Every structure is written in C-alpha cells, then in structure tokens.
C-alpha cells in the first residue's frame, strides 16, 4: 500500500510512502496493483499499472465471496482527485448492496434490437403467423438499419418517432405497418421480461403524423382501369407469370399471397382448394374456377413448359413459379404494378394508385354489382363468418360460389369489351 500522487510539485509536503503515478515502473509482464491509502481515497481504491505502461484507476471489493476489480478510468484522462470521487460514489453503492460491476456486465449482455427481432419473427413463424415474411422485410428495410445494433432496453419513444415520422410523409401505409409491428415486437419482449416496460405501448400513429390517421383504404378499379389492366398486363413488360397471377387475383378475389403461392396440387376438378396453413383465417377455402380462370391456368402451364425447356428443369410445383421451386412474391407483384402504372392505366386518386390487394376489393365490389347476395359474396372471397351464424350455418355454398364467380366473370368481360370498344371508337 502507498499514498498516490499525480506528480511532484516543488515545496509540496508528501507522505513518507508517497508514490508518484508517472514514475511507477510497469511490470515486465501482467499487471501491478498499487493500493491508495490517502485519507481521501475510498476503501479498495487503487491504480492498476499494465506491462504496456497504461495506468488505470480501479476499485477492488468483495461481492458474494468473489474478488471484484471495477474499472473507473485511465490516467491521465481521469485525474486522481476525480477518480477518488467516483470511487467513493461506487463504494457507497457497493456498501448498500449494489454490485456495480455485475450491473455493467448485465448491460453489455442486453440483446440488441436485431437479436430480439430475430427471436420475435421465429416465434411468430412457429405460431403460424401468415405475414411473418412481410414483417421481416419491413424490419430489414426500416427498423434494423436504423436501430438494429442498439440494445432493445435503450430504445425510447423518440427513436421510434424519428424512424416512423419521415416515412409517414412518403409511404403512410408502410409507416403504419412498421409502427404496428414494432409495437408488437416491444410487447412480445416485455411479456418475456427482456425489457421492463414497452416504451411505445401507448404511441398512436396520428400523434406522429396526420397521414397515419387516415381512413381505411377503399380503392377500387373503375371500368376503364379494369379494361386497360386486362388488355395490357401481359404485354407491358411485367413477367408473364406475374401478369397471369394478377389476372387470377381479379377473377377470384382471393388474397394476393394466396394467389401468388398457388400450387398445382391444390387444383381439383375445376376447384382450387387453398389449405388452412396458407390462409390468414387458418381455415381451408374452396374457390370454383371459371372458364376465364382456367384459361389463365392453361396459359401459366404453357409458360412454365417454355421456361422449363429453356432452364432444363422439371415440372413446376407452383402455378406462378418465378424461379425453380420459388413462386412469385406479393412484393414483386406490388413493384410491377407501380413500375408499369402508366401503361396499366393505373390512375392517381385520393386513395393513390391501385395495388394488387385492390384487385381483390374490385372483385368483391363487382360481385355486389352483379347482384350476388352479400352472404355469397363474402363466402366467395373467404371472409370468416362471425357469431352464431358461424356455429350453426355449416353450408359451404359451393354451387352458389361458382354461380357468383361466373356472374362476376361475365360482368368483367363485358366491361373489357365495352371499354375497349370505346377506346377504339
């Protein structure tokens, strides 16, 4: 033990056991601990001198029978006086039962946003979440580049607002979805005690941006848009299989993801059976295939045969197979619709340009316009019935659904003929 001093000063009175920090010789190997017994030094305060010559103030203490060495700071960045003051504050915490070093280690071990997001998505995938890939893409595009390496427990509301606010001005729907799933991520982490509290639990979109408080989307293609889409989608430059998938989406009114990942094995005698595992509702759904729908499938089969000859591959598993063993994606469909918006006659409206999901809404609207009863129209597009009706009405409406889709097909083709005739007039 010795009394530490920063440096020699002329006329300065020092203790007989004075040790001047700059003059301490480093050891040949390892480290040397010089305990400070100055009256201002807290118990356990010392200087660690390493073989490379560096000098660091430390505090030695015992916790649960273990010898701990807590780093305060390196000299001369830290003055001796400042290090003693910080050591005294640490000593008070330690004597009060608080292990400063253990707390530091816990903080360093805290998972990052990226690590927790990976576990969150894996958990949701295992639970059967249908949109888990879309959520993952959203995180990879916005959340992780900005906050991925940040510890989850250190994220505050201001960080999420700063992330969502500028996005809301150019892509309100994506901003809204990002906020929704980010809140789910934090809620999931809170339930598992990864964090003590969800910092964004009460954060509402409209408080971030007025564009996030907009009404629900209700975009439907008008007759001219229907005709232009139907006539041009296969010739504007969109991948042929993506174009055919979009046509089938309009004909059947099913969800874009269900259409995009359609398998040949799901087609049985002019009926498409979408398995429960591929549906948002978790319930299998039958879709009668009309003549126009069968023509789309025939065109897809011919295109796949052509590609197979060129690629030297076997029969495709997916009806709209972009690459061997991989179907087209909903993201690819969305990008195609936006890229070729002008050629497709996709107009800018108060609800923006139409998107693939709006083809489903257009089909549902067209069913009503064709005189199809609401119960049947809802059954066609696969909406789940609620309440007592769902319990007691077990009729599948297969015959009625076929008649409804055939009525919509006639209306659709009549619109195409009429609008095309107007265009040529």
Protein backbone atom coordinates (compact mmCIF):
# COMPACT_ATOMS: atom_id res chain seq x y z
CA UNK A 1 0.00 0.00 0.00
CA UNK A 2 1.12 3.54 -0.72
CA UNK A 3 -0.18 7.08 -0.99
CA UNK A 4 -0.72 8.06 -4.60
CA UNK A 5 0.10 11.47 -6.03
CA UNK A 6 -0.42 12.79 -9.53
CA UNK A 7 3.00 14.43 -9.87
CA UNK A 8 5.84 16.08 -7.98
CA UNK A 9 5.43 19.73 -7.10
CA UNK A 10 8.17 21.96 -5.66
CA UNK A 11 7.69 22.60 -1.96
CA UNK A 12 4.81 20.12 -1.70
CA UNK A 13 4.66 18.12 1.52
CA UNK A 14 4.04 14.43 0.82
CA UNK A 15 3.73 11.29 2.90
CA UNK A 16 6.77 9.16 3.54
CA UNK A 17 5.26 6.34 1.45
CA UNK A 18 4.40 8.68 -1.44
CA UNK A 19 4.20 7.12 -4.90
CA UNK A 20 4.05 9.39 -7.94
CA UNK A 21 1.90 7.93 -10.70
CA UNK A 22 4.11 8.98 -13.68
CA UNK A 23 7.14 7.44 -12.02
CA UNK A 24 5.73 3.97 -11.39
CA UNK A 25 7.66 1.44 -13.43
CA UNK A 26 5.40 -1.03 -15.31
CA UNK A 27 5.94 -4.73 -14.66
CA UNK A 28 7.70 -6.89 -17.24
CA UNK A 29 4.51 -8.92 -17.69
CA UNK A 30 0.96 -8.83 -16.40
CA UNK A 31 -0.09 -6.00 -14.13
CA UNK A 32 0.73 -4.32 -10.82
CA UNK A 33 -1.91 -3.09 -8.37
CA UNK A 34 -0.91 -0.14 -6.17
CA UNK A 35 -3.50 0.47 -3.43
CA UNK A 36 -4.00 4.10 -2.42
CA UNK A 37 -4.09 4.74 1.33
CA UNK A 38 -4.57 8.51 1.08
CA UNK A 39 -7.14 9.82 3.57
CA UNK A 40 -9.40 10.91 0.67
CA UNK A 41 -9.28 7.51 -1.03
CA UNK A 42 -12.25 5.16 -0.56
CA UNK A 43 -11.60 1.65 0.69
CA UNK A 44 -10.27 -0.56 -2.13
CA UNK A 45 -9.25 2.33 -4.40
CA UNK A 46 -6.08 1.54 -6.36
CA UNK A 47 -4.06 2.09 -9.50
CA UNK A 48 -3.52 -0.72 -11.99
CA UNK A 49 -0.30 -0.50 -13.99
CA UNK A 50 -0.04 -2.78 -17.01
CA UNK A 51 3.07 -4.06 -18.75
CA UNK A 52 2.40 -1.74 -21.69
CA UNK A 53 2.68 1.26 -19.38
CA UNK A 54 -1.00 2.19 -19.16
CA UNK A 55 -2.29 3.30 -15.78
CA UNK A 56 -5.94 2.82 -14.77
CA UNK A 57 -7.82 3.70 -11.58
CA UNK A 58 -9.80 0.77 -10.16
CA UNK A 59 -11.87 -0.13 -7.12
CA UNK A 60 -11.40 -3.53 -5.51
CA UNK A 61 -14.24 -5.03 -3.49
CA UNK A 62 -15.74 -8.37 -2.41
CA UNK A 63 -19.21 -9.48 -3.50
CA UNK A 64 -20.70 -12.89 -2.69
CA UNK A 65 -17.24 -14.10 -1.72
CA UNK A 66 -15.74 -13.07 -5.07
CA UNK A 67 -12.93 -10.57 -5.52
CA UNK A 68 -14.09 -7.83 -7.94
CA UNK A 69 -11.98 -5.21 -9.72
CA UNK A 70 -14.09 -2.35 -11.04
CA UNK A 71 -12.53 -0.05 -13.65
CA UNK A 72 -13.01 3.68 -13.03
CA UNK A 73 -10.93 5.29 -15.76
CA UNK A 74 -7.48 5.67 -17.25
CA UNK A 75 -4.92 8.18 -16.02
CA UNK A 76 -4.32 10.97 -17.04
CA UNK A 77 -7.76 11.23 -18.74
CA UNK A 78 -9.07 10.85 -15.23
CA UNK A 79 -7.32 12.94 -12.60
CA UNK A 80 -6.50 11.31 -9.28
CA UNK A 81 -8.96 13.60 -7.49
CA UNK A 82 -11.83 12.81 -9.92
CA UNK A 83 -11.12 9.08 -9.75
CA UNK A 84 -11.22 9.13 -5.94
CA UNK A 85 -14.56 10.97 -6.04
CA UNK A 86 -16.05 8.44 -8.46
CA UNK A 87 -14.60 5.57 -6.43
CA UNK A 88 -16.25 6.99 -3.30
CA UNK A 89 -19.63 7.06 -5.06
CA UNK A 90 -19.18 3.47 -6.21
CA UNK A 91 -18.15 2.44 -2.69
CA UNK A 92 -21.36 3.82 -1.27
CA UNK A 93 -23.40 1.84 -3.80
CA UNK A 94 -21.46 -1.34 -3.09
CA UNK A 95 -21.80 -0.97 0.68
CA UNK A 96 -25.52 -0.54 0.10
CA UNK A 97 -25.68 -3.95 -1.58
CA UNK A 98 -25.50 -2.81 -5.23
CA UNK A 99 -22.97 -4.66 -7.43
CA UNK A 100 -21.79 -2.04 -9.95
CA UNK A 101 -19.63 -4.46 -11.96
CA UNK A 102 -22.41 -7.02 -12.28
CA UNK A 103 -24.76 -4.32 -13.48
CA UNK A 104 -22.24 -3.29 -16.13
CA UNK A 105 -21.96 -6.87 -17.31
CA UNK A 106 -25.75 -7.22 -17.45
CA UNK A 107 -25.99 -4.09 -19.60
CA UNK A 108 -23.34 -5.35 -22.01
CA UNK A 109 -25.22 -8.66 -22.25
CA UNK A 110 -28.53 -6.99 -23.09
CA UNK A 111 -29.76 -8.15 -26.54
CA UNK A 112 -29.86 -5.79 -29.47
CA UNK A 113 -32.96 -4.85 -31.45
CA UNK A 114 -31.70 -7.10 -34.26
CA UNK A 115 -31.30 -10.12 -31.95
CA UNK A 116 -34.74 -9.68 -30.37
CA UNK A 117 -36.36 -9.11 -33.77
CA UNK A 118 -34.89 -12.41 -34.99
CA UNK A 119 -36.34 -14.27 -31.99
CA UNK A 120 -39.68 -12.44 -32.34
CA UNK A 121 -40.06 -13.43 -36.00
CA UNK A 122 -39.05 -17.04 -35.25
CA UNK A 123 -41.69 -17.18 -32.52
CA UNK A 124 -44.37 -15.75 -34.80
CA UNK A 125 -43.43 -18.14 -37.61
CA UNK A 126 -43.75 -21.09 -35.24
CA UNK A 127 -47.14 -19.77 -34.11
CA UNK A 128 -48.31 -19.76 -37.74
CA UNK A 129 -48.28 -16.01 -38.44
CA UNK A 130 -49.06 -15.75 -42.17
CA UNK A 131 -47.43 -12.36 -42.72
CA UNK A 132 -44.15 -13.10 -40.93
CA UNK A 133 -42.07 -12.74 -44.12
CA UNK A 134 -43.63 -9.36 -44.87
CA UNK A 135 -42.93 -8.23 -41.30
CA UNK A 136 -39.34 -9.40 -41.62
CA UNK A 137 -38.94 -7.45 -44.85
CA UNK A 138 -40.37 -4.34 -43.20
CA UNK A 139 -37.93 -4.65 -40.29
CA UNK A 140 -34.98 -5.26 -42.64
CA UNK A 141 -35.91 -2.24 -44.72
CA UNK A 142 -36.50 0.32 -41.97
CA UNK A 143 -36.11 -0.79 -38.33
CA UNK A 144 -32.83 -2.72 -38.36
CA UNK A 145 -30.71 -0.33 -40.45
CA UNK A 146 -31.57 2.47 -38.01
CA UNK A 147 -31.74 0.67 -34.65
CA UNK A 148 -30.58 -2.92 -35.20
CA UNK A 149 -27.32 -2.65 -33.23
CA UNK A 150 -28.89 -0.67 -30.40
CA UNK A 151 -29.76 -2.54 -27.19
CA UNK A 152 -33.52 -3.01 -27.06
CA UNK A 153 -33.77 -1.71 -23.50
CA UNK A 154 -32.15 1.58 -24.54
CA UNK A 155 -34.70 2.34 -27.28
CA UNK A 156 -37.07 5.17 -26.38
CA UNK A 157 -40.25 6.58 -27.91
CA UNK A 158 -38.27 9.36 -29.57
CA UNK A 159 -36.25 6.79 -31.54
CA UNK A 160 -39.38 5.16 -32.97
CA UNK A 161 -40.99 8.52 -33.73
CA UNK A 162 -37.84 9.64 -35.54
CA UNK A 163 -37.99 6.43 -37.58
CA UNK A 164 -41.71 6.47 -38.45
CA UNK A 165 -42.38 10.19 -38.91
CA UNK A 166 -40.38 10.83 -42.12
CA UNK A 167 -41.59 7.52 -43.60
CA UNK A 168 -45.22 8.52 -43.00
CA UNK A 169 -44.86 11.52 -45.29
CA UNK A 170 -43.94 9.40 -48.32
CA UNK A 171 -45.41 5.95 -47.52
CA UNK A 172 -48.19 6.21 -44.94
CA UNK A 173 -49.27 2.57 -45.13
CA UNK A 174 -45.75 1.23 -44.65
CA UNK A 175 -45.20 3.65 -41.77
CA UNK A 176 -48.43 2.49 -40.13
CA UNK A 177 -47.47 -1.18 -40.54
CA UNK A 178 -43.95 -0.51 -39.25
CA UNK A 179 -45.36 1.15 -36.13
CA UNK A 180 -47.86 -1.66 -35.58
CA UNK A 181 -45.30 -4.45 -35.80
CA UNK A 182 -42.66 -2.53 -33.85
CA UNK A 183 -45.18 -2.16 -31.02
CA UNK A 184 -45.84 -5.90 -31.23
CA UNK A 185 -42.09 -6.54 -31.03
CA UNK A 186 -41.73 -4.49 -27.85
CA UNK A 187 -44.87 -6.01 -26.32
CA UNK A 188 -43.51 -9.50 -27.03
CA UNK A 189 -40.19 -8.55 -25.39
CA UNK A 190 -41.98 -7.10 -22.36
CA UNK A 191 -44.01 -10.29 -21.87
CA UNK A 192 -40.74 -12.26 -21.77
CA UNK A 193 -39.10 -9.77 -19.38
CA UNK A 194 -36.41 -8.88 -21.94
CA UNK A 195 -37.36 -5.28 -21.17
CA UNK A 196 -39.12 -3.94 -18.09
CA UNK A 197 -41.63 -1.78 -19.95
CA UNK A 198 -42.82 -1.23 -23.51
CA UNK A 199 -41.82 2.37 -24.39
CA UNK A 200 -44.22 2.56 -27.34
CA UNK A 201 -47.26 0.80 -25.88
CA UNK A 202 -49.39 3.95 -25.93
CA UNK A 203 -47.84 5.53 -29.02
CA UNK A 204 -50.55 6.19 -31.62
CA UNK A 205 -49.95 6.82 -35.29
CA UNK A 206 -51.99 10.01 -35.52
CA UNK A 207 -49.82 11.56 -32.81
CA UNK A 208 -46.78 11.05 -35.03
CA UNK A 209 -48.28 12.17 -38.33
CA UNK A 210 -51.73 13.16 -39.54
CA UNK A 211 -51.21 10.84 -42.53
CA UNK A 212 -51.28 7.85 -40.16
CA UNK A 213 -54.78 8.70 -39.00
CA UNK A 214 -56.36 8.39 -42.43
CA UNK A 215 -59.50 6.37 -43.09
CA UNK A 216 -59.31 2.77 -44.21
CA UNK A 217 -58.26 2.24 -47.81
CA UNK A 218 -61.20 1.72 -50.21
CA UNK A 219 -59.55 1.86 -53.66
CA UNK A 220 -61.50 0.06 -56.41
CA UNK A 221 -60.61 0.00 -60.11
CA UNK A 222 -63.08 1.85 -62.29
CA UNK A 223 -64.27 0.34 -65.59
CA UNK A 224 -61.60 1.99 -67.74
CA UNK A 225 -58.87 0.82 -65.37
CA UNK A 226 -60.28 -2.73 -65.43
CA UNK A 227 -60.26 -2.81 -69.21
CA UNK A 228 -56.78 -1.33 -69.60
CA UNK A 229 -55.37 -3.67 -66.98
CA UNK A 230 -56.95 -6.74 -68.56
CA UNK A 231 -55.84 -5.85 -72.09
CA UNK A 232 -52.32 -4.63 -71.31
CA UNK A 233 -50.98 -6.51 -68.26
CA UNK A 234 -49.44 -9.33 -70.31
CA UNK A 235 -47.73 -7.02 -72.81
CA UNK A 236 -46.34 -4.02 -70.89
CA UNK A 237 -43.17 -5.75 -69.69
CA UNK A 238 -44.30 -7.45 -66.49
CA UNK A 239 -43.03 -11.01 -66.07
CA UNK A 240 -45.66 -13.19 -67.77
CA UNK A 241 -46.36 -15.31 -64.71
CA UNK A 242 -46.75 -12.21 -62.52
CA UNK A 243 -49.20 -10.79 -65.05
CA UNK A 244 -51.22 -14.01 -65.04
CA UNK A 245 -51.22 -14.07 -61.23
CA UNK A 246 -52.67 -10.55 -61.19
CA UNK A 247 -55.39 -11.62 -63.63
CA UNK A 248 -56.34 -14.59 -61.47
CA UNK A 249 -56.43 -12.31 -58.46
CA UNK A 250 -59.05 -10.12 -60.15
CA UNK A 251 -61.05 -13.15 -61.33
CA UNK A 252 -61.17 -14.97 -57.98
CA UNK A 253 -60.93 -12.19 -55.37
CA UNK A 254 -58.53 -14.15 -53.19
CA UNK A 255 -55.67 -12.61 -51.21
CA UNK A 256 -52.52 -11.72 -53.18
CA UNK A 257 -50.35 -14.05 -51.10
CA UNK A 258 -52.73 -16.95 -51.62
CA UNK A 259 -52.76 -16.44 -55.39
CA UNK A 260 -49.00 -15.87 -55.70
CA UNK A 261 -48.15 -19.12 -53.89
CA UNK A 262 -50.84 -21.24 -55.60
CA UNK A 263 -49.76 -24.86 -56.18
CA UNK A 264 -50.87 -27.21 -58.95
CA UNK A 265 -51.60 -29.82 -56.27
CA UNK A 266 -54.29 -27.53 -54.85
CA UNK A 267 -56.42 -27.73 -58.02
CA UNK A 268 -59.04 -30.49 -58.08
CA UNK A 269 -61.60 -30.80 -60.91
CA UNK A 270 -62.13 -27.06 -61.59
CA UNK A 271 -61.90 -26.20 -57.89
CA UNK A 272 -58.97 -24.58 -56.14
CA UNK A 273 -58.63 -25.71 -52.51
CA UNK A 274 -56.49 -23.28 -50.50
CA UNK A 275 -55.19 -25.23 -47.48
CA UNK A 276 -55.69 -23.86 -43.98
CA UNK A 277 -51.96 -23.40 -43.48
CA UNK A 278 -51.81 -20.83 -46.29
CA UNK A 279 -54.76 -18.74 -45.19
CA UNK A 280 -54.96 -15.78 -42.85
CA UNK A 281 -58.04 -17.26 -41.19
CA UNK A 282 -56.43 -20.67 -40.68
CA UNK A 283 -59.44 -22.33 -42.37
CA UNK A 284 -59.28 -24.17 -45.72
CA UNK A 285 -61.21 -22.45 -48.51
CA UNK A 286 -62.58 -23.67 -51.85
CA UNK A 287 -62.62 -21.44 -54.93
CA UNK A 288 -64.56 -22.56 -58.03
CA UNK A 289 -62.55 -21.93 -61.20
CA UNK A 290 -64.47 -20.25 -64.02
CA UNK A 291 -63.63 -20.62 -67.73
CA UNK A 292 -61.51 -17.45 -67.73
CA UNK A 293 -59.66 -18.63 -64.62
CA UNK A 294 -58.97 -21.98 -66.28
CA UNK A 295 -57.63 -20.13 -69.33
CA UNK A 296 -55.22 -18.25 -67.05
CA UNK A 297 -54.02 -21.53 -65.58
CA UNK A 298 -53.60 -23.01 -69.04
CA UNK A 299 -51.53 -20.00 -70.10
CA UNK A 300 -49.42 -20.38 -66.98
CA UNK A 301 -48.82 -24.07 -67.70
CA UNK A 302 -47.69 -23.23 -71.23
CA UNK A 303 -45.33 -20.51 -69.96
CA UNK A 304 -43.86 -22.86 -67.35
CA UNK A 305 -43.31 -25.53 -70.01
CA UNK A 306 -41.48 -22.99 -72.17
CA UNK A 307 -39.31 -21.89 -69.25
CA UNK A 308 -38.61 -25.50 -68.25
CA UNK A 309 -37.25 -26.27 -71.70
CA UNK A 310 -35.01 -23.22 -71.52
CA UNK A 311 -33.88 -23.90 -67.96
CA UNK A 312 -33.73 -27.67 -68.20
CA UNK A 313 -35.86 -28.03 -65.08
CA UNK A 314 -38.63 -30.43 -64.09
CA UNK A 315 -42.35 -29.77 -63.70
CA UNK A 316 -43.11 -26.73 -61.53
CA UNK A 317 -44.70 -27.08 -58.11
CA UNK A 318 -46.15 -23.57 -58.15
CA UNK A 319 -48.62 -22.23 -60.70
CA UNK A 320 -46.78 -18.90 -60.85
CA UNK A 321 -43.20 -20.05 -60.37
CA UNK A 322 -40.75 -17.17 -60.86
CA UNK A 323 -37.67 -19.35 -60.25
CA UNK A 324 -37.36 -23.12 -59.86
CA UNK A 325 -39.11 -24.01 -56.61
CA UNK A 326 -39.95 -20.37 -55.80
CA UNK A 327 -43.30 -18.67 -56.54
CA UNK A 328 -43.70 -15.01 -57.38
CA UNK A 329 -43.94 -12.85 -54.28
CA UNK A 330 -46.53 -10.28 -53.28
CA UNK A 331 -43.71 -7.72 -53.16
CA UNK A 332 -42.85 -8.49 -56.78
CA UNK A 333 -46.49 -8.04 -57.78
CA UNK A 334 -46.66 -4.70 -55.97
CA UNK A 335 -43.45 -3.46 -57.56
CA UNK A 336 -44.66 -4.47 -61.02
CA UNK A 337 -47.97 -2.63 -60.60
CA UNK A 338 -46.21 0.56 -59.52
CA UNK A 339 -43.46 0.36 -62.14
CA UNK A 340 -45.93 -0.06 -65.00
CA UNK A 341 -48.69 2.13 -63.53
CA UNK A 342 -48.99 4.39 -66.57
CA UNK A 343 -49.11 1.52 -69.08
CA UNK A 344 -51.72 -0.25 -66.95
CA UNK A 345 -53.94 2.85 -66.78
CA UNK A 346 -53.39 2.95 -63.01
CA UNK A 347 -54.70 6.41 -62.07
CA UNK A 348 -53.66 8.58 -59.16
CA UNK A 349 -56.70 9.10 -56.88
CA UNK A 350 -57.35 10.25 -53.31
CA UNK A 351 -56.50 6.67 -52.29
CA UNK A 352 -53.44 6.67 -54.52
CA UNK A 353 -52.83 4.24 -57.35
CA UNK A 354 -54.35 0.77 -57.14
CA UNK A 355 -52.33 -2.09 -55.67
CA UNK A 356 -52.66 -5.88 -56.01
CA UNK A 357 -54.94 -6.11 -52.97
CA UNK A 358 -57.29 -3.61 -54.60
CA UNK A 359 -57.97 -6.20 -57.31
CA UNK A 360 -59.48 -8.35 -54.57
CA UNK A 361 -61.63 -5.42 -53.41
CA UNK A 362 -62.65 -4.76 -57.02
CA UNK A 363 -63.80 -8.37 -57.36
CA UNK A 364 -65.84 -8.11 -54.16
CA UNK A 365 -67.42 -4.87 -55.39
CA UNK A 366 -68.07 -6.44 -58.77
CA UNK A 367 -69.85 -9.39 -57.15
CA UNK A 368 -72.26 -6.99 -55.47
CA UNK A 369 -72.76 -5.09 -58.74
CA UNK A 370 -73.56 -8.40 -60.46
CA UNK A 371 -76.40 -8.95 -57.99
CA UNK A 372 -74.68 -11.55 -55.79
CA UNK A 373 -76.08 -11.68 -52.25
CA UNK A 374 -73.77 -10.43 -49.52
CA UNK A 375 -73.57 -13.82 -47.79
CA UNK A 376 -72.45 -15.49 -51.01
CA UNK A 377 -70.05 -12.69 -51.96
CA UNK A 378 -68.39 -12.91 -48.56
CA UNK A 379 -68.15 -16.69 -48.91
CA UNK A 380 -66.52 -16.28 -52.34
CA UNK A 381 -63.64 -14.14 -51.09
CA UNK A 382 -63.24 -16.26 -47.96
CA UNK A 383 -64.18 -13.86 -45.18
CA UNK A 384 -64.81 -15.75 -41.95
CA UNK A 385 -68.36 -15.62 -40.65
CA UNK A 386 -68.82 -14.49 -37.05
CA UNK A 387 -71.10 -15.26 -34.13
CA UNK A 388 -73.98 -17.71 -34.02
CA UNK A 389 -74.18 -17.94 -37.83
CA UNK A 390 -70.69 -19.41 -37.98
CA UNK A 391 -71.68 -22.05 -35.43
CA UNK A 392 -74.95 -23.24 -36.97
CA UNK A 393 -74.68 -22.45 -40.68
CA UNK A 394 -72.26 -25.09 -41.99
CA UNK A 395 -73.31 -24.88 -45.64
CA UNK A 396 -70.26 -24.40 -47.91
CA UNK A 397 -72.12 -22.61 -50.74
CA UNK A 398 -70.04 -24.37 -53.42
CA UNK A 399 -72.78 -24.16 -56.06
CA UNK A 400 -73.65 -20.58 -55.18
CA UNK A 401 -69.99 -19.53 -55.20
CA UNK A 402 -69.49 -20.91 -58.70
CA UNK A 403 -72.58 -19.10 -59.97
CA UNK A 404 -71.37 -15.89 -58.28
CA UNK A 405 -67.88 -16.05 -59.83
CA UNK A 406 -69.35 -16.84 -63.23
CA UNK A 407 -71.62 -13.78 -62.89
CA UNK A 408 -68.58 -11.65 -61.99
CA UNK A 409 -66.65 -13.07 -64.94
CA UNK A 410 -69.45 -12.14 -67.34
CA UNK A 411 -69.56 -8.63 -65.90
CA UNK A 412 -65.76 -8.30 -66.04
CA UNK A 413 -65.51 -9.41 -69.67
CA UNK A 414 -68.44 -7.18 -70.63
CA UNK A 415 -66.64 -4.20 -69.09
CA UNK A 416 -63.50 -5.09 -71.03
CA UNK A 417 -65.44 -5.40 -74.31
CA UNK A 418 -67.35 -2.18 -73.78
CA UNK A 419 -64.38 -0.07 -72.63
CA UNK A 420 -62.14 -1.48 -75.34
CA UNK A 421 -64.77 -0.58 -77.91
CA UNK A 422 -64.91 2.96 -76.51
CA UNK A 423 -61.15 3.21 -76.74
CA UNK A 424 -61.22 2.17 -80.37
CA UNK A 425 -64.14 4.44 -81.29
